[in-house]
Amino acid sequence: MNTLELDTCGHLCPFPLIEAKKAIETLATGDVLVIKYDCAQATENIPRWAAEAGHEVTDFEQIGDAQWRMEIKKG
């Protein structure tokens, strides 16, 4: 299992979601994408997209006042 780290802090929505979609395409099934972001909208948009695309959010945490970290396992 490989892990890809993606830091989109400072990017306005919808760019964290767009970058997550691009990044996960480079991964094999079972690999993990770790994305850090500071766009509040992405806390809803990224998990929704992941579920619809057949991926699994395995970890989600707030790491700062307005920063989050999410792990997505490619399905």
Protein backbone atom coordinates (compact mmCIF):
# COMPACT_ATOMS: atom_id res chain seq x y z
CA MET A 1 0.00 0.00 0.00
CA ASN A 2 1.35 3.39 -1.02
CA THR A 3 0.48 6.76 0.50
CA LEU A 4 0.40 10.06 -1.39
CA GLU A 5 0.42 13.32 0.59
CA LEU A 6 -1.31 16.35 -0.93
CA ASP A 7 -1.22 19.79 0.70
CA THR A 8 -3.77 22.19 -0.77
CA CYS A 9 -3.70 24.75 2.05
CA GLY A 10 -4.12 28.23 0.64
CA HIS A 11 -6.16 27.01 -2.34
CA LEU A 12 -9.76 28.18 -2.52
CA CYS A 13 -12.62 25.77 -3.17
CA PRO A 14 -13.15 23.88 -5.39
CA PHE A 15 -9.40 23.37 -5.96
CA PRO A 16 -8.81 20.96 -3.03
CA LEU A 17 -11.47 18.66 -4.50
CA ILE A 18 -10.13 19.03 -8.04
CA GLU A 19 -6.59 18.24 -6.86
CA ALA A 20 -7.83 15.25 -4.82
CA LYS A 21 -9.58 13.83 -7.89
CA LYS A 22 -6.42 14.19 -9.99
CA ALA A 23 -4.19 12.72 -7.28
CA ILE A 24 -6.31 9.66 -6.56
CA GLU A 25 -6.28 8.75 -10.26
CA THR A 26 -2.52 8.15 -9.96
CA LEU A 27 -3.01 5.62 -7.14
CA ALA A 28 -3.75 1.90 -7.25
CA THR A 29 -6.76 0.37 -5.51
CA GLY A 30 -6.05 0.18 -1.78
CA ASP A 31 -3.54 3.05 -1.81
CA VAL A 32 -4.16 6.06 0.43
CA LEU A 33 -4.41 9.76 -0.36
CA VAL A 34 -3.71 12.09 2.57
CA ILE A 35 -4.99 15.58 1.85
CA LYS A 36 -4.50 18.69 3.98
CA TYR A 37 -6.71 21.68 3.24
CA ASP A 38 -8.08 24.88 4.72
CA CYS A 39 -11.27 25.32 2.71
CA ALA A 40 -14.30 24.68 4.94
CA GLN A 41 -16.49 23.64 1.99
CA ALA A 42 -14.14 20.74 1.30
CA THR A 43 -15.05 19.14 4.64
CA GLU A 44 -18.37 18.24 2.98
CA ASN A 45 -17.41 18.08 -0.70
CA ILE A 46 -14.45 15.70 -0.45
CA PRO A 47 -16.18 12.99 1.64
CA ARG A 48 -19.27 13.18 -0.61
CA TRP A 49 -17.16 12.77 -3.74
CA ALA A 50 -15.14 9.94 -2.16
CA ALA A 51 -18.29 7.99 -1.26
CA GLU A 52 -19.85 8.54 -4.69
CA ALA A 53 -16.62 7.42 -6.39
CA GLY A 54 -16.33 4.26 -4.27
CA HIS A 55 -13.46 5.41 -2.05
CA GLU A 56 -13.36 5.24 1.75
CA VAL A 57 -12.53 8.07 4.15
CA THR A 58 -10.46 6.27 6.79
CA ASP A 59 -9.42 9.26 8.91
CA PHE A 60 -10.55 12.86 9.28
CA GLU A 61 -9.28 15.41 11.77
CA GLN A 62 -9.07 19.13 12.33
CA ILE A 63 -5.40 20.06 12.62
CA GLY A 64 -5.71 23.82 13.13
CA ASP A 65 -8.25 26.60 13.58
CA ALA A 66 -9.25 26.29 9.93
CA GLN A 67 -7.21 23.33 8.66
CA TRP A 68 -8.16 19.71 8.19
CA ARG A 69 -6.47 16.43 7.28
CA MET A 70 -8.27 13.56 5.58
CA GLU A 71 -7.15 10.08 4.56
CA ILE A 72 -8.95 8.47 1.63
CA LYS A 73 -8.41 4.84 0.67
CA LYS A 74 -8.88 4.31 -3.06
CA GLY A 75 -11.67 1.85 -3.82
